[in-house]
């Protein structure tokens, strides 16, 4: 049940973040749900491989290259899902930052609400 709640919260974060940025569009809530699921799977399976392969670059850039990896993961998700569109690398980079902030805020709000129930 916790996974489903987190997935719905992530889908809401995907929609809100896309609403903020003009270079990103999400067709519907169901598309956002798919985006949240695909991003979760990519972050579990692909991101660790990319991080491992780019350790030297990440060290040289003091970890800032991780933003590039997040943007690439978002572009991969955009290529896999037809209702999710990101208009280029820069928008993916900005979207990853906004999505992280919005996800954090929504997770904090839902954690507080869940504890009050």
Protein backbone atom coordinates (compact mmCIF):
# COMPACT_ATOMS: atom_id res chain seq x y z
CA UNK A 1 0.00 0.00 0.00
CA UNK A 2 2.88 2.33 0.79
CA UNK A 3 4.31 1.83 -2.71
CA UNK A 4 1.01 2.79 -4.33
CA UNK A 5 0.75 5.96 -2.23
CA UNK A 6 4.32 6.92 -3.11
CA UNK A 7 3.63 6.23 -6.79
CA UNK A 8 0.54 8.47 -6.76
CA UNK A 9 2.49 11.21 -4.95
CA UNK A 10 5.24 10.89 -7.57
CA UNK A 11 2.64 11.13 -10.35
CA UNK A 12 1.30 14.33 -8.77
CA UNK A 13 4.84 15.68 -8.62
CA UNK A 14 5.31 14.83 -12.31
CA UNK A 15 2.14 16.74 -13.23
CA UNK A 16 2.91 19.75 -11.02
CA UNK A 17 6.50 19.98 -12.27
CA UNK A 18 5.35 19.78 -15.89
CA UNK A 19 2.78 22.48 -15.19
CA UNK A 20 5.54 24.78 -13.92
CA UNK A 21 7.81 24.31 -16.96
CA UNK A 22 6.70 25.17 -20.50
CA UNK A 23 9.22 22.77 -22.08
CA UNK A 24 7.68 19.68 -20.49
CA UNK A 25 4.20 18.30 -21.08
CA UNK A 26 2.23 15.43 -19.59
CA UNK A 27 -0.92 14.29 -21.38
CA UNK A 28 -2.96 13.01 -18.41
CA UNK A 29 -2.81 11.69 -14.87
CA UNK A 30 -2.44 8.13 -16.20
CA UNK A 31 0.52 9.22 -18.26
CA UNK A 32 2.02 10.83 -15.16
CA UNK A 33 1.47 7.56 -13.29
CA UNK A 34 3.36 5.71 -16.03
CA UNK A 35 6.11 8.32 -15.94
CA UNK A 36 6.44 7.91 -12.18
CA UNK A 37 6.64 4.12 -12.54
CA UNK A 38 9.15 4.23 -15.41
CA UNK A 39 11.31 6.80 -13.59
CA UNK A 40 11.28 4.59 -10.52
CA UNK A 41 12.38 1.56 -12.55
CA UNK A 42 15.05 3.53 -14.41
CA UNK A 43 16.37 4.93 -11.12
CA UNK A 44 16.59 1.42 -9.71
CA UNK A 45 18.20 -0.32 -12.68
CA UNK A 46 19.86 2.20 -15.03
CA UNK A 47 21.00 5.06 -12.80
CA UNK A 48 23.39 2.99 -10.65
CA UNK A 49 25.10 1.68 -13.79
CA UNK A 50 25.44 5.19 -15.22
CA UNK A 51 26.76 6.52 -11.91
CA UNK A 52 29.33 3.71 -11.70
CA UNK A 53 30.52 4.27 -15.27
CA UNK A 54 30.90 8.03 -14.74
CA UNK A 55 32.63 8.03 -11.35
CA UNK A 56 35.73 9.89 -12.62
CA UNK A 57 33.65 12.67 -14.24
CA UNK A 58 31.45 12.89 -11.16
CA UNK A 59 34.48 13.27 -8.90
CA UNK A 60 36.05 15.93 -11.14
CA UNK A 61 32.80 17.93 -11.22
CA UNK A 62 32.24 17.51 -7.46
CA UNK A 63 29.04 15.53 -8.06
CA UNK A 64 27.41 18.01 -10.43
CA UNK A 65 27.50 15.41 -13.21
CA UNK A 66 24.74 13.57 -11.34
CA UNK A 67 22.37 16.27 -12.61
CA UNK A 68 23.34 15.26 -16.15
CA UNK A 69 22.59 11.63 -15.34
CA UNK A 70 19.16 12.60 -13.96
CA UNK A 71 18.44 14.58 -17.13
CA UNK A 72 19.42 11.63 -19.32
CA UNK A 73 17.11 9.35 -17.30
CA UNK A 74 14.24 11.81 -17.84
CA UNK A 75 14.99 11.91 -21.57
CA UNK A 76 14.92 8.11 -21.67
CA UNK A 77 11.53 8.13 -19.93
CA UNK A 78 10.34 10.73 -22.43
CA UNK A 79 11.38 8.46 -25.29
CA UNK A 80 9.59 5.46 -23.75
CA UNK A 81 6.26 7.14 -22.93
CA UNK A 82 4.23 8.71 -25.73
CA UNK A 83 2.21 11.19 -23.61
CA UNK A 84 5.29 12.60 -21.86
CA UNK A 85 7.32 15.11 -23.83
CA UNK A 86 10.50 16.96 -22.86
CA UNK A 87 11.78 19.53 -25.35
CA UNK A 88 15.53 18.99 -25.07
CA UNK A 89 18.31 18.39 -22.63
CA UNK A 90 18.17 21.76 -20.85
CA UNK A 91 14.45 21.30 -20.11
CA UNK A 92 15.19 17.78 -18.82
CA UNK A 93 17.90 19.20 -16.57
CA UNK A 94 15.63 21.90 -15.16
CA UNK A 95 12.75 19.44 -14.89
CA UNK A 96 14.86 17.03 -12.84
CA UNK A 97 15.65 19.79 -10.33
CA UNK A 98 12.04 21.01 -10.12
CA UNK A 99 10.75 17.43 -9.88
CA UNK A 100 13.09 16.72 -6.98
CA UNK A 101 11.92 19.79 -5.08
CA UNK A 102 8.21 19.19 -5.74
CA UNK A 103 8.53 15.48 -4.86
CA UNK A 104 10.23 16.34 -1.59
CA UNK A 105 7.52 18.84 -0.63
CA UNK A 106 4.68 16.45 -1.53
CA UNK A 107 6.30 13.56 0.34
CA UNK A 108 6.72 15.69 3.44
CA UNK A 109 3.08 16.80 3.27
CA UNK A 110 1.81 13.23 2.82
CA UNK A 111 4.04 11.92 5.60
CA UNK A 112 2.60 14.50 7.98
CA UNK A 113 -0.95 13.68 6.86
CA UNK A 114 -0.38 9.92 7.17
CA UNK A 115 0.94 10.34 10.71
CA UNK A 116 -2.16 12.31 11.73
CA UNK A 117 -4.55 9.60 10.55
